[in-house]
N, C-alpha and C. Protein backbone atom coordinates (compact mmCIF):
# COMPACT_ATOMS: atom_id res chain seq x y z
N MET A 1 -16.32 29.59 -32.36
CA MET A 1 -15.75 28.11 -31.94
C MET A 1 -15.44 28.56 -30.17
N THR A 2 -16.26 27.50 -29.90
CA THR A 2 -15.52 27.77 -28.07
C THR A 2 -14.10 27.04 -27.59
N ARG A 3 -13.44 27.85 -27.28
CA ARG A 3 -12.01 28.28 -27.07
C ARG A 3 -12.36 27.79 -25.20
N GLY A 4 -11.04 26.39 -25.43
CA GLY A 4 -10.47 26.11 -24.28
C GLY A 4 -9.28 25.80 -23.61
N LYS A 5 -8.68 25.79 -22.82
CA LYS A 5 -7.57 25.67 -22.22
C LYS A 5 -7.47 24.71 -20.92
N ILE A 6 -6.25 23.66 -20.73
CA ILE A 6 -6.03 22.70 -19.83
C ILE A 6 -5.33 23.71 -18.85
N ILE A 7 -5.45 23.84 -17.60
CA ILE A 7 -4.14 24.03 -16.52
C ILE A 7 -3.64 23.42 -15.04
N TYR A 8 -2.88 23.82 -14.91
CA TYR A 8 -2.57 22.44 -13.72
C TYR A 8 -1.42 23.27 -13.10
N ILE A 9 -1.74 23.41 -11.52
CA ILE A 9 -0.79 24.11 -10.54
C ILE A 9 -0.11 22.98 -9.77
N ASP A 10 0.94 22.99 -9.69
CA ASP A 10 2.38 22.33 -9.06
C ASP A 10 2.39 22.58 -7.78
N LYS A 11 2.75 22.13 -7.11
CA LYS A 11 3.02 22.56 -5.43
C LYS A 11 4.08 23.40 -5.28
N ASN A 12 4.87 23.62 -6.76
CA ASN A 12 6.10 24.25 -6.36
C ASN A 12 5.24 25.94 -7.12
N LYS A 13 4.18 26.47 -6.88
CA LYS A 13 3.37 27.23 -7.91
C LYS A 13 3.56 27.44 -8.64
N ILE A 14 3.70 26.52 -9.90
CA ILE A 14 4.52 26.92 -10.85
C ILE A 14 3.16 26.49 -11.94
N MET A 15 2.48 27.54 -12.63
CA MET A 15 1.36 26.73 -13.30
C MET A 15 1.52 26.61 -15.16
N TYR A 16 1.19 25.37 -15.30
CA TYR A 16 1.65 24.71 -16.63
C TYR A 16 0.41 25.00 -17.51
N CYS A 17 0.67 25.79 -18.59
CA CYS A 17 -0.87 26.07 -19.31
C CYS A 17 -1.02 25.58 -21.16
N SER A 18 -1.89 25.10 -20.79
CA SER A 18 -1.99 24.30 -22.72
C SER A 18 -2.03 25.43 -23.54
N CYS A 19 -1.74 24.74 -25.07
CA CYS A 19 -2.46 25.81 -25.85
C CYS A 19 -4.26 25.92 -25.86
N GLU A 20 -4.67 26.68 -26.79
CA GLU A 20 -5.68 26.99 -26.38
C GLU A 20 -6.31 26.39 -27.71
N PHE A 21 -6.86 25.16 -27.22
CA PHE A 21 -8.25 24.21 -27.91
C PHE A 21 -8.86 24.59 -28.66
N ASN A 22 -9.58 24.88 -29.88
CA ASN A 22 -10.75 25.79 -30.47
C ASN A 22 -11.59 24.96 -31.02
N GLY A 23 -12.73 24.93 -30.28
CA GLY A 23 -14.22 24.25 -30.94
C GLY A 23 -14.65 23.08 -29.79
N ASP A 24 -15.99 23.41 -29.45
CA ASP A 24 -16.66 22.59 -28.51
C ASP A 24 -15.79 22.32 -27.03
N MET A 25 -15.22 23.73 -26.66
CA MET A 25 -15.10 23.17 -25.18
C MET A 25 -15.41 23.44 -23.96
N HIS A 26 -16.71 23.50 -24.22
CA HIS A 26 -17.32 24.26 -22.98
C HIS A 26 -17.35 22.59 -22.63
N PRO A 27 -18.10 22.66 -20.98
CA PRO A 27 -18.28 21.60 -20.32
C PRO A 27 -19.23 20.96 -20.58
N GLU A 28 -20.31 20.95 -21.30
CA GLU A 28 -21.40 19.46 -21.85
C GLU A 28 -20.69 18.66 -23.39
N HIS A 29 -19.40 19.13 -23.75
CA HIS A 29 -19.46 18.49 -25.02
C HIS A 29 -17.49 18.35 -24.70
N LYS A 30 -16.42 18.58 -25.44
CA LYS A 30 -15.42 18.14 -25.07
C LYS A 30 -15.00 18.10 -24.21
N GLY A 31 -15.33 19.26 -22.92
CA GLY A 31 -14.57 19.46 -21.90
C GLY A 31 -15.25 18.81 -20.81
N ASP A 32 -16.04 17.96 -21.37
CA ASP A 32 -16.98 16.88 -19.97
C ASP A 32 -15.36 15.77 -20.00
N GLN A 33 -14.86 15.15 -21.26
CA GLN A 33 -13.46 14.63 -20.76
C GLN A 33 -12.48 14.70 -20.22
N ILE A 34 -12.16 16.33 -19.90
CA ILE A 34 -11.11 16.86 -19.10
C ILE A 34 -11.93 16.79 -17.29
N ILE A 35 -13.23 16.97 -17.86
CA ILE A 35 -13.89 16.67 -16.13
C ILE A 35 -13.84 15.38 -15.39
N GLU A 36 -14.06 14.27 -16.86
CA GLU A 36 -13.96 13.04 -16.26
C GLU A 36 -12.65 12.43 -15.90
N ASN A 37 -12.11 12.35 -16.43
CA ASN A 37 -10.60 12.49 -16.33
C ASN A 37 -10.25 12.96 -14.59
N PHE A 38 -10.52 14.47 -14.19
CA PHE A 38 -10.29 14.39 -13.31
C PHE A 38 -11.03 13.91 -11.96
N GLN A 39 -11.82 13.41 -12.31
CA GLN A 39 -13.03 12.92 -11.50
C GLN A 39 -12.64 11.56 -10.86
N ASN A 40 -11.90 11.27 -11.78
CA ASN A 40 -11.51 10.00 -11.99
C ASN A 40 -9.38 10.13 -10.95
N GLY A 41 -9.24 10.92 -10.91
CA GLY A 41 -8.15 10.67 -10.01
C GLY A 41 -7.05 10.68 -10.70
N ASN A 42 -7.06 11.35 -12.34
CA ASN A 42 -5.51 11.39 -13.02
C ASN A 42 -5.41 12.39 -13.05
N PHE A 43 -4.98 13.44 -12.68
CA PHE A 43 -4.38 14.82 -12.43
C PHE A 43 -3.60 14.23 -11.21
N LYS A 44 -2.81 13.26 -11.08
CA LYS A 44 -1.98 13.23 -10.22
C LYS A 44 -0.81 13.79 -9.95
N SER A 45 -0.18 14.54 -11.53
CA SER A 45 1.03 14.74 -11.21
C SER A 45 1.51 15.74 -12.69
N VAL A 46 2.82 16.48 -12.96
CA VAL A 46 3.23 17.26 -13.81
C VAL A 46 3.10 16.03 -15.50
N THR A 47 3.25 14.80 -14.96
CA THR A 47 3.31 13.77 -16.20
C THR A 47 2.24 13.61 -16.60
N ALA A 48 1.66 13.47 -15.03
CA ALA A 48 0.20 12.94 -15.55
C ALA A 48 -0.72 13.78 -16.65
N TYR A 49 -0.36 14.99 -16.19
CA TYR A 49 -1.21 16.55 -16.66
C TYR A 49 -0.73 16.32 -18.18
N GLU A 50 0.75 16.81 -18.66
CA GLU A 50 0.66 16.75 -19.90
C GLU A 50 1.09 15.56 -20.83
N LYS A 51 0.83 14.19 -20.22
CA LYS A 51 0.57 12.72 -21.04
C LYS A 51 -1.13 12.71 -21.06
N TYR A 52 -1.70 13.88 -20.49
CA TYR A 52 -3.39 13.77 -20.94
C TYR A 52 -3.43 14.68 -22.14
N VAL A 53 -2.61 15.95 -21.37
CA VAL A 53 -2.80 17.37 -22.61
C VAL A 53 -2.66 16.28 -24.41
N GLU A 54 -1.53 15.38 -24.42
CA GLU A 54 -1.25 15.40 -25.86
C GLU A 54 -2.13 14.07 -26.03
N ARG A 55 -3.03 13.35 -25.20
CA ARG A 55 -3.86 12.63 -25.38
C ARG A 55 -5.51 13.23 -26.14
N PHE A 56 -5.74 14.02 -25.06
CA PHE A 56 -6.80 14.79 -25.11
C PHE A 56 -6.60 15.93 -27.08
N ASN A 57 -5.17 16.23 -27.33
CA ASN A 57 -5.03 16.66 -28.58
C ASN A 57 -5.55 15.39 -29.41
N ASP A 58 -4.70 14.28 -29.64
CA ASP A 58 -5.05 13.26 -30.51
C ASP A 58 -6.33 12.85 -30.81
N ARG A 59 -6.98 12.97 -29.82
CA ARG A 59 -8.01 12.50 -29.65
C ARG A 59 -8.97 13.28 -30.29
N ASN A 60 -9.16 14.62 -30.09
CA ASN A 60 -10.08 15.72 -30.53
C ASN A 60 -9.44 16.73 -31.43
N PHE A 61 -7.84 16.82 -31.71
CA PHE A 61 -7.97 17.82 -32.29
C PHE A 61 -6.85 17.87 -33.40
N GLY A 62 -5.15 17.18 -33.27
CA GLY A 62 -4.36 16.36 -33.84
C GLY A 62 -3.42 18.24 -34.46
N TYR A 63 -3.51 19.01 -33.93
CA TYR A 63 -2.54 20.36 -33.39
C TYR A 63 -1.24 19.59 -33.44
N ASP A 64 -0.64 19.77 -34.61
CA ASP A 64 1.28 20.00 -34.50
C ASP A 64 1.75 20.22 -33.36
N ASP A 65 1.86 21.91 -32.53
CA ASP A 65 2.01 22.17 -32.02
C ASP A 65 1.54 22.15 -30.86
N ILE A 66 2.00 21.50 -29.33
CA ILE A 66 0.78 21.34 -28.15
C ILE A 66 1.81 21.98 -26.91
N SER A 67 2.78 22.60 -27.60
CA SER A 67 3.05 23.31 -26.23
C SER A 67 2.79 24.24 -25.14
N ILE A 68 3.30 23.29 -24.15
CA ILE A 68 2.29 24.14 -22.48
C ILE A 68 3.44 25.13 -22.11
N ARG A 69 2.88 26.36 -21.86
CA ARG A 69 3.45 27.18 -21.00
C ARG A 69 3.70 27.12 -19.56
N CYS A 70 5.04 27.28 -19.57
CA CYS A 70 5.74 27.16 -17.55
C CYS A 70 5.37 28.90 -17.31
N ILE A 71 4.11 29.34 -15.79
CA ILE A 71 4.44 30.47 -15.13
C ILE A 71 4.37 30.40 -14.08
N GLY A 72 5.48 30.73 -13.62
CA GLY A 72 6.03 30.78 -12.06
C GLY A 72 5.11 31.68 -11.47
N LEU A 73 4.25 31.71 -10.05
CA LEU A 73 3.42 32.26 -9.51
C LEU A 73 3.98 33.06 -8.23
N GLU A 74 4.04 34.08 -7.71
CA GLU A 74 4.86 34.60 -6.76
C GLU A 74 3.99 33.54 -5.27
N LYS A 75 2.36 33.79 -5.75
CA LYS A 75 1.32 33.59 -4.10
C LYS A 75 0.85 32.55 -5.00
N ASN A 76 -0.32 31.45 -4.22
CA ASN A 76 -0.92 30.42 -4.58
C ASN A 76 -2.01 31.06 -5.38
N GLU A 77 -2.47 32.22 -6.42
CA GLU A 77 -3.29 33.17 -6.44
C GLU A 77 -3.02 33.15 -7.93
N TRP A 78 -4.47 33.91 -8.61
CA TRP A 78 -3.92 34.32 -10.24
C TRP A 78 -5.33 34.99 -10.35
N CYS A 79 -5.41 36.14 -11.35
CA CYS A 79 -6.45 37.04 -11.35
C CYS A 79 -6.54 36.45 -12.73
N ILE A 80 -7.82 36.40 -13.14
CA ILE A 80 -8.28 35.97 -14.59
C ILE A 80 -9.15 37.38 -15.18
N ASP A 81 -8.67 38.81 -14.71
CA ASP A 81 -9.50 39.40 -14.94
C ASP A 81 -8.99 40.01 -16.73
N ASP A 82 -7.67 39.40 -16.93
CA ASP A 82 -7.10 39.06 -18.25
C ASP A 82 -7.30 38.31 -19.24
N ASN A 83 -8.43 37.28 -19.00
CA ASN A 83 -8.52 36.12 -19.50
C ASN A 83 -9.67 36.30 -20.67
N TYR A 84 -9.61 35.80 -21.85
CA TYR A 84 -10.37 35.86 -23.22
C TYR A 84 -10.12 34.97 -23.67
N THR A 85 -9.79 33.57 -22.62
CA THR A 85 -10.15 32.20 -23.66
C THR A 85 -12.00 32.08 -22.73
N ASP A 86 -12.55 31.33 -24.02
CA ASP A 86 -14.10 30.88 -23.25
C ASP A 86 -14.12 30.34 -22.07
N TYR A 87 -13.05 28.91 -21.85
CA TYR A 87 -13.20 27.39 -21.09
C TYR A 87 -11.82 27.78 -20.48
N LEU A 88 -11.44 27.61 -19.21
CA LEU A 88 -10.36 27.54 -18.65
C LEU A 88 -10.63 25.71 -17.54
N TYR A 89 -9.91 24.93 -17.59
CA TYR A 89 -10.14 24.05 -16.73
C TYR A 89 -8.77 23.97 -15.94
N ILE A 90 -8.85 24.25 -14.92
CA ILE A 90 -7.54 24.46 -13.50
C ILE A 90 -7.50 23.92 -12.90
N ILE A 91 -6.67 22.55 -12.99
CA ILE A 91 -6.18 21.61 -11.63
C ILE A 91 -5.69 22.12 -10.92
N ASN A 92 -5.94 22.06 -9.54
CA ASN A 92 -4.89 22.76 -8.16
C ASN A 92 -4.90 21.06 -7.51
N GLY A 93 -2.98 21.13 -8.01
CA GLY A 93 -2.74 19.98 -7.59
C GLY A 93 -1.38 20.32 -6.81
N SER A 94 -1.33 21.79 -6.30
CA SER A 94 -0.25 21.94 -5.10
C SER A 94 -1.12 21.43 -3.82
N GLU A 95 -0.09 21.91 -3.11
CA GLU A 95 -0.43 20.69 -1.36
C GLU A 95 -1.08 22.17 -0.45
N SER A 96 -1.83 22.86 -1.19
CA SER A 96 -2.49 24.07 -0.61
C SER A 96 -4.18 24.54 -1.43
N GLU A 97 -5.00 25.40 -0.88
CA GLU A 97 -5.71 26.14 -1.35
C GLU A 97 -5.15 27.05 -2.84
N PHE A 98 -5.62 27.14 -3.67
CA PHE A 98 -5.69 27.92 -4.78
C PHE A 98 -6.47 28.93 -4.89
N PHE A 99 -6.12 30.27 -5.09
CA PHE A 99 -7.30 31.63 -5.66
C PHE A 99 -7.20 31.77 -6.72
N ILE A 100 -8.41 31.99 -7.25
CA ILE A 100 -9.11 32.71 -8.62
C ILE A 100 -9.22 34.14 -7.59
N ILE A 101 -8.49 35.01 -8.75
CA ILE A 101 -9.48 36.32 -8.44
C ILE A 101 -10.11 37.18 -9.52
N GLN A 102 -11.00 37.70 -9.33
CA GLN A 102 -12.17 37.97 -10.35
C GLN A 102 -12.58 39.53 -9.66
N LYS A 103 -11.81 40.62 -10.50
CA LYS A 103 -12.64 41.76 -9.88
C LYS A 103 -11.93 42.13 -8.46
N ASP A 104 -13.30 42.10 -7.43
CA ASP A 104 -12.90 42.34 -6.10
C ASP A 104 -12.97 41.07 -5.39
N GLU A 105 -13.38 39.87 -5.98
CA GLU A 105 -14.08 38.72 -5.50
C GLU A 105 -12.56 37.61 -5.43
N LYS A 106 -12.34 36.56 -4.80
CA LYS A 106 -11.86 35.18 -4.78
C LYS A 106 -12.55 34.21 -4.97
N SER A 107 -12.04 33.16 -5.29
CA SER A 107 -12.84 31.82 -5.06
C SER A 107 -12.08 31.05 -4.85
N VAL A 108 -12.21 29.90 -4.37
CA VAL A 108 -11.20 29.13 -4.23
C VAL A 108 -11.46 27.51 -4.39
N ILE A 109 -9.83 27.14 -5.01
CA ILE A 109 -10.15 25.97 -5.36
C ILE A 109 -9.15 25.49 -4.28
N PRO A 110 -10.28 24.58 -3.89
CA PRO A 110 -9.57 23.62 -2.55
C PRO A 110 -8.08 22.96 -3.44
N MET A 111 -7.21 21.92 -2.33
CA MET A 111 -6.23 20.88 -3.00
C MET A 111 -6.91 20.04 -3.68
N ASN A 112 -6.69 19.24 -4.50
CA ASN A 112 -6.82 18.41 -5.88
C ASN A 112 -8.48 18.69 -6.62
N GLY A 113 -8.54 20.08 -5.95
CA GLY A 113 -9.57 19.90 -6.84
C GLY A 113 -9.71 21.04 -8.07
N MET A 114 -10.51 21.34 -9.10
CA MET A 114 -10.79 22.00 -10.28
C MET A 114 -11.87 23.05 -10.07
N GLY A 115 -11.12 23.89 -10.85
CA GLY A 115 -12.05 24.99 -11.40
C GLY A 115 -12.10 25.54 -12.85
N ILE A 116 -13.63 25.26 -13.15
CA ILE A 116 -13.95 25.67 -14.37
C ILE A 116 -14.01 27.55 -14.73
N VAL A 117 -13.68 27.19 -15.33
CA VAL A 117 -13.56 28.99 -15.84
C VAL A 117 -14.43 29.92 -17.27
N ARG A 118 -15.53 30.86 -16.98
CA ARG A 118 -15.68 31.17 -17.84
C ARG A 118 -15.48 32.27 -18.27
N PHE A 119 -14.58 32.98 -19.42
CA PHE A 119 -13.82 34.09 -19.25
C PHE A 119 -13.74 34.74 -17.90
N HIS A 120 -14.20 35.37 -17.07
CA HIS A 120 -13.85 36.33 -15.90
C HIS A 120 -14.79 35.70 -14.87
N THR A 121 -15.07 35.02 -15.30
CA THR A 121 -16.28 34.44 -14.02
C THR A 121 -15.77 32.57 -13.73
N VAL A 122 -15.76 32.38 -12.44
CA VAL A 122 -15.83 31.01 -11.76
C VAL A 122 -16.82 30.20 -12.08
N GLU A 123 -17.43 29.09 -12.65
CA GLU A 123 -18.76 28.89 -13.14
C GLU A 123 -18.42 28.12 -12.12
N GLU A 124 -17.63 26.84 -11.43
CA GLU A 124 -18.39 26.22 -10.58
C GLU A 124 -16.77 25.22 -10.30
N ILE A 125 -16.90 24.65 -8.82
CA ILE A 125 -15.76 24.04 -8.16
C ILE A 125 -16.16 22.97 -8.45
N LEU A 126 -15.11 21.78 -8.57
CA LEU A 126 -15.67 20.21 -8.41
C LEU A 126 -14.33 19.90 -7.77
N SER A 127 -14.42 18.76 -6.46
CA SER A 127 -13.84 17.45 -5.88
C SER A 127 -13.75 16.41 -6.69
N PRO A 128 -12.77 15.62 -6.78
CA PRO A 128 -12.89 14.13 -6.70
C PRO A 128 -13.31 13.61 -7.09
N ASN A 129 -14.05 13.12 -7.61
CA ASN A 129 -15.16 11.45 -6.79
C ASN A 129 -14.43 10.05 -7.21
N TYR A 130 -13.11 9.71 -7.21
CA TYR A 130 -12.41 8.27 -7.22
C TYR A 130 -13.01 7.75 -6.04
N GLU A 131 -13.14 8.14 -4.91
CA GLU A 131 -13.25 7.43 -3.75
C GLU A 131 -14.66 7.02 -3.90
N GLU A 132 -15.45 7.42 -3.83
CA GLU A 132 -17.31 7.95 -4.16
C GLU A 132 -16.84 6.20 -5.18
N LYS A 133 -16.12 6.72 -6.51
CA LYS A 133 -16.85 5.28 -7.10
C LYS A 133 -15.77 4.02 -6.82
N MET A 134 -14.46 4.11 -5.97
CA MET A 134 -14.66 2.72 -5.88
C MET A 134 -15.09 2.59 -4.34
N LYS A 135 -15.78 2.91 -3.77
CA LYS A 135 -16.70 2.31 -2.79
C LYS A 135 -18.21 2.00 -3.61
N LYS A 136 -18.16 2.32 -4.52
CA LYS A 136 -19.69 2.09 -5.22
C LYS A 136 -19.55 0.89 -6.10
N LEU A 137 -18.06 0.21 -5.88
CA LEU A 137 -17.48 -0.87 -6.46
C LEU A 137 -17.62 -1.93 -5.74
N VAL A 138 -17.33 -1.67 -4.31
CA VAL A 138 -18.13 -2.99 -3.18
C VAL A 138 -19.30 -3.22 -3.21
N ILE A 139 -20.18 -2.55 -3.55
CA ILE A 139 -21.62 -2.41 -3.34
C ILE A 139 -21.88 -2.71 -1.92
N GLU A 140 -21.14 -1.59 -1.42
CA GLU A 140 -21.37 -0.87 0.23
C GLU A 140 -20.88 -2.28 1.38
N ASP A 141 -20.11 -2.97 0.81
CA ASP A 141 -19.84 -4.50 1.49
C ASP A 141 -18.49 -3.85 1.91
N GLY A 142 -18.70 -3.94 3.88
CA GLY A 142 -17.94 -3.18 4.14
C GLY A 142 -16.18 -4.05 4.76
N GLU A 143 -16.56 -5.16 4.63
CA GLU A 143 -14.95 -5.48 4.88
C GLU A 143 -14.31 -5.34 3.24
N ALA A 144 -15.27 -5.18 2.27
CA ALA A 144 -14.26 -5.23 0.98
C ALA A 144 -13.83 -3.70 0.87
N ALA A 145 -14.31 -2.77 1.52
CA ALA A 145 -14.23 -1.22 1.59
C ALA A 145 -13.06 -1.22 2.53
N ALA A 146 -12.79 -2.09 3.43
CA ALA A 146 -11.41 -1.77 4.51
C ALA A 146 -10.01 -2.63 3.61
N ALA A 147 -10.26 -3.68 2.92
CA ALA A 147 -9.45 -4.12 2.14
C ALA A 147 -8.57 -3.50 1.35
N ILE A 148 -9.72 -2.53 0.26
CA ILE A 148 -9.57 -1.62 -0.65
C ILE A 148 -8.74 0.01 0.05
N ASP A 149 -9.13 0.23 0.83
CA ASP A 149 -8.73 1.31 1.52
C ASP A 149 -6.93 0.74 2.01
N GLU A 150 -6.92 -0.52 2.98
CA GLU A 150 -5.52 -0.72 3.00
C GLU A 150 -4.50 -0.59 1.72
N LEU A 151 -5.39 -1.76 0.46
CA LEU A 151 -4.52 -1.44 -0.68
C LEU A 151 -4.13 -0.20 -0.86
N LYS A 152 -4.57 1.10 -0.98
CA LYS A 152 -4.68 1.99 -1.07
C LYS A 152 -3.36 2.82 -0.16
N PHE A 153 -3.32 2.31 1.28
CA PHE A 153 -2.61 2.46 2.01
C PHE A 153 -1.25 2.31 2.07
N ARG A 154 -1.03 0.86 1.45
CA ARG A 154 0.02 0.49 1.08
C ARG A 154 0.94 0.59 -0.21
N GLY A 155 -0.06 1.21 -1.14
CA GLY A 155 0.27 1.40 -2.44
C GLY A 155 1.20 0.57 -3.32
N LYS A 156 1.02 -1.03 -3.09
CA LYS A 156 1.75 -1.66 -3.99
C LYS A 156 0.70 -2.93 -3.22
N LEU A 157 0.88 -3.93 -4.32
CA LEU A 157 0.49 -5.29 -4.29
C LEU A 157 1.23 -6.29 -3.35
N ARG A 158 0.74 -7.13 -2.54
CA ARG A 158 1.88 -7.97 -1.90
C ARG A 158 2.71 -8.57 -2.43
N ASP A 159 3.66 -9.11 -1.75
CA ASP A 159 4.63 -9.74 -2.58
C ASP A 159 4.38 -11.82 -3.10
N ILE A 160 4.33 -11.79 -4.07
CA ILE A 160 3.57 -13.52 -4.57
C ILE A 160 4.48 -14.71 -3.70
N SER A 161 5.80 -14.43 -4.15
CA SER A 161 6.56 -15.36 -3.45
C SER A 161 6.17 -15.90 -2.05
N ARG A 162 5.20 -15.20 -1.06
CA ARG A 162 4.71 -15.70 0.23
C ARG A 162 3.73 -16.72 0.31
N ILE A 163 2.97 -17.12 -1.13
CA ILE A 163 2.04 -18.13 -1.37
C ILE A 163 2.44 -19.25 -1.40
N GLU A 164 3.14 -19.78 -1.75
CA GLU A 164 3.92 -20.51 -1.72
C GLU A 164 4.11 -22.06 -0.56
N PRO A 165 5.07 -21.24 -0.15
CA PRO A 165 5.34 -21.67 1.29
C PRO A 165 3.75 -21.56 2.67
N LEU A 166 3.25 -20.35 2.57
CA LEU A 166 1.61 -20.88 3.43
C LEU A 166 1.21 -22.07 2.69
N ILE A 167 0.93 -21.98 1.61
CA ILE A 167 0.13 -23.03 0.91
C ILE A 167 0.99 -24.64 1.36
N GLU A 168 2.39 -24.68 1.07
CA GLU A 168 2.84 -26.06 1.25
C GLU A 168 3.06 -26.45 2.70
N LYS A 169 2.69 -25.61 4.08
CA LYS A 169 2.67 -26.28 5.21
C LYS A 169 1.42 -26.34 5.73
N PHE A 170 0.02 -25.12 4.90
CA PHE A 170 -1.28 -25.79 5.44
C PHE A 170 -1.14 -27.28 4.81
N LYS A 171 -0.88 -27.57 3.65
CA LYS A 171 -1.26 -28.56 2.91
C LYS A 171 -0.49 -30.05 3.68
N ALA A 172 0.67 -29.80 4.52
CA ALA A 172 1.32 -30.89 5.27
C ALA A 172 0.56 -31.12 6.75
N LEU A 173 0.12 -30.01 7.32
CA LEU A 173 -0.99 -30.11 7.96
C LEU A 173 -2.26 -30.82 7.93
N TRP A 174 -3.29 -30.20 6.72
CA TRP A 174 -4.00 -31.02 6.50
C TRP A 174 -3.73 -32.35 6.44
N GLU A 175 -2.43 -32.84 5.73
CA GLU A 175 -2.38 -33.94 5.57
C GLU A 175 -2.08 -35.00 6.73
N LYS A 176 -1.83 -34.37 8.02
CA LYS A 176 -1.84 -35.27 9.20
C LYS A 176 -2.93 -35.28 9.69
N HIS A 177 -4.00 -33.97 9.00
CA HIS A 177 -5.20 -34.46 9.74
C HIS A 177 -6.61 -34.10 9.05
N PRO A 178 -6.34 -35.44 7.95
CA PRO A 178 -7.13 -35.45 6.87
C PRO A 178 -8.82 -35.60 7.29
N ASP A 179 -9.52 -35.79 8.40
CA ASP A 179 -10.61 -36.47 8.54
C ASP A 179 -11.15 -34.16 8.67
N LEU A 180 -10.23 -33.51 9.39
CA LEU A 180 -10.99 -32.49 9.35
C LEU A 180 -11.30 -31.31 7.91
N ARG A 181 -12.23 -30.99 8.11
CA ARG A 181 -12.49 -30.17 7.18
C ARG A 181 -12.02 -29.01 6.84
N PHE A 182 -11.69 -28.53 5.05
CA PHE A 182 -10.95 -27.14 5.19
C PHE A 182 -11.06 -26.18 6.24
N GLY A 183 -12.25 -25.57 5.96
CA GLY A 183 -12.58 -24.98 7.18
C GLY A 183 -12.58 -24.96 8.12
N GLN A 184 -13.05 -25.84 8.47
CA GLN A 184 -12.58 -26.32 10.23
C GLN A 184 -11.22 -26.66 10.71
N LEU A 185 -10.94 -26.60 9.58
CA LEU A 185 -8.79 -26.60 10.09
C LEU A 185 -8.66 -25.48 9.91
N VAL A 186 -9.11 -24.44 9.53
CA VAL A 186 -8.49 -22.82 9.02
C VAL A 186 -9.09 -22.20 10.24
N CYS A 187 -10.26 -22.52 11.00
CA CYS A 187 -10.90 -21.93 11.74
C CYS A 187 -9.93 -22.40 13.24
N ASN A 188 -9.88 -23.58 13.01
CA ASN A 188 -8.94 -23.66 14.24
C ASN A 188 -7.77 -23.59 14.52
N ILE A 189 -7.23 -22.89 13.33
CA ILE A 189 -5.86 -22.24 13.19
C ILE A 189 -5.52 -20.89 13.38
N MET A 190 -6.91 -20.14 13.33
CA MET A 190 -7.05 -18.95 13.40
C MET A 190 -9.02 -18.55 13.63
N PRO A 191 -9.38 -17.72 14.80
CA PRO A 191 -10.62 -17.86 15.02
C PRO A 191 -11.00 -16.64 14.11
N GLU A 192 -12.29 -17.37 13.60
CA GLU A 192 -13.12 -16.77 12.23
C GLU A 192 -13.16 -15.29 12.68
N ASP A 193 -13.48 -14.79 13.65
CA ASP A 193 -13.22 -13.27 13.13
C ASP A 193 -12.56 -12.66 13.37
N LYS A 194 -11.06 -13.44 13.54
CA LYS A 194 -10.52 -12.47 13.14
C LYS A 194 -9.22 -12.71 11.17
N LEU A 195 -9.99 -14.27 10.95
CA LEU A 195 -9.61 -14.04 9.81
C LEU A 195 -10.16 -13.28 8.51
N TYR A 196 -10.23 -12.73 8.28
CA TYR A 196 -10.49 -11.76 7.09
C TYR A 196 -9.12 -10.60 7.16
N TYR A 197 -8.53 -10.24 8.65
CA TYR A 197 -7.45 -9.15 8.49
C TYR A 197 -5.95 -9.62 8.91
N VAL A 198 -6.30 -11.04 8.85
CA VAL A 198 -4.86 -11.35 9.54
C VAL A 198 -3.94 -11.73 8.81
N GLU A 199 -3.17 -11.04 8.29
CA GLU A 199 -1.66 -10.73 7.13
C GLU A 199 -1.02 -12.81 7.22
N ASP A 200 -0.72 -12.65 6.50
CA ASP A 200 -0.20 -14.39 6.20
C ASP A 200 0.53 -14.57 6.59
N ASP A 201 1.55 -14.03 6.77
CA ASP A 201 2.98 -13.92 7.82
C ASP A 201 2.57 -14.55 9.09
N ILE A 202 1.55 -13.80 9.92
CA ILE A 202 0.93 -14.52 11.19
C ILE A 202 0.09 -16.25 10.85
N MET A 203 -0.61 -15.90 9.67
CA MET A 203 -1.40 -16.77 9.69
C MET A 203 -0.20 -18.16 9.31
N LEU A 204 1.24 -17.86 8.39
CA LEU A 204 1.99 -18.63 8.40
C LEU A 204 2.48 -19.42 9.67
N ASP A 205 2.61 -18.63 10.69
CA ASP A 205 3.42 -19.18 11.85
C ASP A 205 2.71 -19.67 12.72
N ARG A 206 1.30 -19.46 12.63
CA ARG A 206 -0.14 -20.03 13.47
C ARG A 206 0.02 -21.41 12.70
N ILE A 207 -0.13 -21.89 11.69
CA ILE A 207 -0.24 -23.17 10.56
C ILE A 207 1.23 -23.92 11.74
N GLN A 208 2.50 -23.00 11.79
CA GLN A 208 3.49 -23.66 11.90
C GLN A 208 3.22 -24.27 13.55
N LYS A 209 2.99 -23.21 14.31
CA LYS A 209 2.76 -23.57 15.83
C LYS A 209 1.34 -24.32 15.96
N TRP A 210 0.29 -24.82 15.49
CA TRP A 210 -0.26 -25.75 15.49
C TRP A 210 -0.21 -26.98 15.21
N GLY A 211 1.08 -27.01 14.32
CA GLY A 211 1.75 -28.48 13.64
C GLY A 211 2.78 -28.95 14.93
N ILE A 212 3.47 -28.38 15.56
CA ILE A 212 4.25 -28.27 17.13
C ILE A 212 3.66 -29.00 17.93
N ARG A 213 1.85 -28.56 17.62
CA ARG A 213 1.31 -29.43 19.15
C ARG A 213 0.63 -30.56 18.47
N ASP A 214 1.00 -31.10 17.73
CA ASP A 214 0.87 -32.25 17.55
C ASP A 214 1.49 -33.72 17.76
């Protein structure tokens, strides 16, 4: 039976180590679930890691006790010479590189990377690919990609209460100029080359100023 553990290194140099899961833990079988979760960017914190270990156990093993051990590290490194578990899936959630020491060699897991260890050997180092997946979702549309980057930067959705006053002001302006087409009026308010990126508060201000000119 192929055994495996899921390990997370946090920014305080604390190593969180799951219990040893016993059965099909190599990367081509149950380990693939861990790799997929990592590549989707879902190991963002200790809490996210702990919740995933619980879900992983419920889905695959159903152990009653899945206690997670916490080990304080003096440095951002760990020697695997004494490891006897078939596979270790080590996620580096620290804010710097993490070193895996094996005999006289060192392997580097980059920040936010994953190292896959088989006994005393680092088999593979992975980087998360969730950003690449997001780019594929927009089918190489440069403007849509820019919008996604902006949302990622903001980290939250815009305030929904901004919508009604903007629509009301535009409606009132359009009723004063019913002969103008929708697109024609919009382009009169804001040049077409700037329309995609303009914020709603600026658009509202332009609508109000355009109405004052009448």
